Protein backbone atom coordinates (compact mmCIF):
# COMPACT_ATOMS: atom_id res chain seq x y z
CA UNK A 1 5.09 154.83 -205.40
CA UNK A 2 1.62 153.69 -206.45
CA UNK A 3 1.68 150.96 -203.74
CA UNK A 4 2.36 153.50 -201.01
CA UNK A 5 -0.52 155.70 -202.13
CA UNK A 6 -2.81 152.66 -202.33
CA UNK A 7 -1.80 151.49 -198.83
CA UNK A 8 -2.31 154.97 -197.46
CA UNK A 9 -5.76 155.15 -199.05
CA UNK A 10 -6.70 151.72 -197.64
CA UNK A 11 -5.55 152.62 -194.14
CA UNK A 12 -7.48 155.88 -194.29
CA UNK A 13 -10.70 154.10 -195.26
CA UNK A 14 -10.11 151.56 -192.44
CA UNK A 15 -9.77 154.50 -190.05
CA UNK A 16 -13.07 155.93 -191.35
CA UNK A 17 -14.85 152.63 -190.85
CA UNK A 18 -13.56 152.23 -187.27
CA UNK A 19 -14.50 155.80 -186.45
CA UNK A 20 -18.02 155.53 -187.88
CA UNK A 21 -18.62 152.19 -186.10
CA UNK A 22 -17.52 153.65 -182.79
CA UNK A 23 -19.77 156.71 -183.25
CA UNK A 24 -22.72 154.46 -184.15
CA UNK A 25 -22.09 152.26 -181.10
CA UNK A 26 -22.08 155.35 -178.83
CA UNK A 27 -25.35 156.58 -180.33
CA UNK A 28 -27.04 153.20 -180.08
CA UNK A 29 -25.97 152.72 -176.46
CA UNK A 30 -27.26 156.21 -175.68
CA UNK A 31 -30.69 155.28 -177.04
CA UNK A 32 -30.74 151.99 -175.12
CA UNK A 33 -29.97 153.64 -171.78
CA UNK A 34 -32.20 156.67 -172.28
CA UNK A 35 -35.32 157.22 -170.21
CA UNK A 36 -37.58 156.52 -173.18
CA UNK A 37 -37.57 152.82 -172.30
CA UNK A 38 -37.91 153.38 -168.56
CA UNK A 39 -39.69 150.32 -167.18
CA UNK A 40 -40.95 152.09 -164.04
CA UNK A 41 -42.78 154.69 -166.10
CA UNK A 42 -44.14 151.97 -168.35
CA UNK A 43 -45.47 150.04 -165.33
CA UNK A 44 -46.98 153.20 -163.91
CA UNK A 45 -48.69 153.96 -167.20
CA UNK A 46 -50.06 150.40 -167.34
CA UNK A 47 -51.36 150.74 -163.77
CA UNK A 48 -53.06 154.05 -164.55
CA UNK A 49 -54.59 152.51 -167.66
CA UNK A 50 -55.96 149.62 -165.65
CA UNK A 51 -57.39 151.95 -162.99
CA UNK A 52 -59.05 154.01 -165.69
CA UNK A 53 -60.64 150.88 -167.14
CA UNK A 54 -61.80 149.92 -163.64
CA UNK A 55 -63.42 153.33 -163.21
CA UNK A 56 -65.15 153.03 -166.57
CA UNK A 57 -66.52 149.57 -165.80
CA UNK A 58 -67.23 150.52 -162.15
CA UNK A 59 -65.13 147.67 -160.86
CA UNK A 60 -63.84 148.92 -157.53
CA UNK A 61 -62.44 145.63 -156.22
CA UNK A 62 -58.87 146.96 -156.03
CA UNK A 63 -59.96 150.00 -154.05
CA UNK A 64 -61.02 150.64 -150.48
CA UNK A 65 -64.52 152.01 -149.98
CA UNK A 66 -65.44 154.47 -147.24
CA UNK A 67 -68.66 156.38 -146.68
CA UNK A 68 -68.63 160.04 -145.70
CA UNK A 69 -71.40 162.37 -144.66
CA UNK A 70 -70.88 165.78 -146.22
CA UNK A 71 -72.53 168.94 -145.06
CA UNK A 72 -73.49 171.36 -147.81
CA UNK A 73 -74.89 174.88 -147.51
CA UNK A 74 -77.27 175.68 -150.38
CA UNK A 75 -79.38 178.86 -150.26
CA UNK A 76 -78.73 179.21 -146.52
CA UNK A 77 -80.04 175.68 -145.92
CA UNK A 78 -77.92 172.92 -144.62
CA UNK A 79 -78.10 169.64 -146.50
CA UNK A 80 -76.39 166.40 -145.65
CA UNK A 81 -75.20 164.13 -148.41
CA UNK A 82 -73.84 160.62 -148.08
CA UNK A 83 -70.96 159.98 -150.43
CA UNK A 84 -68.89 156.94 -151.21
CA UNK A 85 -65.17 157.44 -151.48
CA UNK A 86 -63.15 154.89 -153.39
CA UNK A 87 -59.43 155.06 -152.73
CA UNK A 88 -56.48 153.40 -154.37
CA UNK A 89 -53.12 153.88 -152.67
CA UNK A 90 -49.80 152.72 -153.94
CA UNK A 91 -46.21 153.75 -153.30
CA UNK A 92 -46.38 155.85 -156.51
CA UNK A 93 -50.08 156.77 -156.77
CA UNK A 94 -52.82 157.90 -154.45
CA UNK A 95 -56.09 158.12 -156.32
CA UNK A 96 -59.65 158.67 -155.06
CA UNK A 97 -63.11 159.08 -156.46
CA UNK A 98 -66.26 160.36 -154.87
CA UNK A 99 -69.60 158.93 -155.95
């Protein structure tokens, strides 16, 4: 009688181990395939960080430069201002800066 109870107890603990391992594997695979480790977002973040650094150092080599003549009305007087427009265009980002 004691052997049967002992075998029943061992099989129940084996069932608990298998169940807990399967639950852990489901949770771990959920974290692996979640969007937290999305490589596209990480690449986009790195690109934005690089562009910000380029703006801070005024290195516009990755951008196209165009010159625009803007017309401004100040105190009923028309003023013309030449501005430089730096543009960066990507499939994900379109960024420009006026200077």
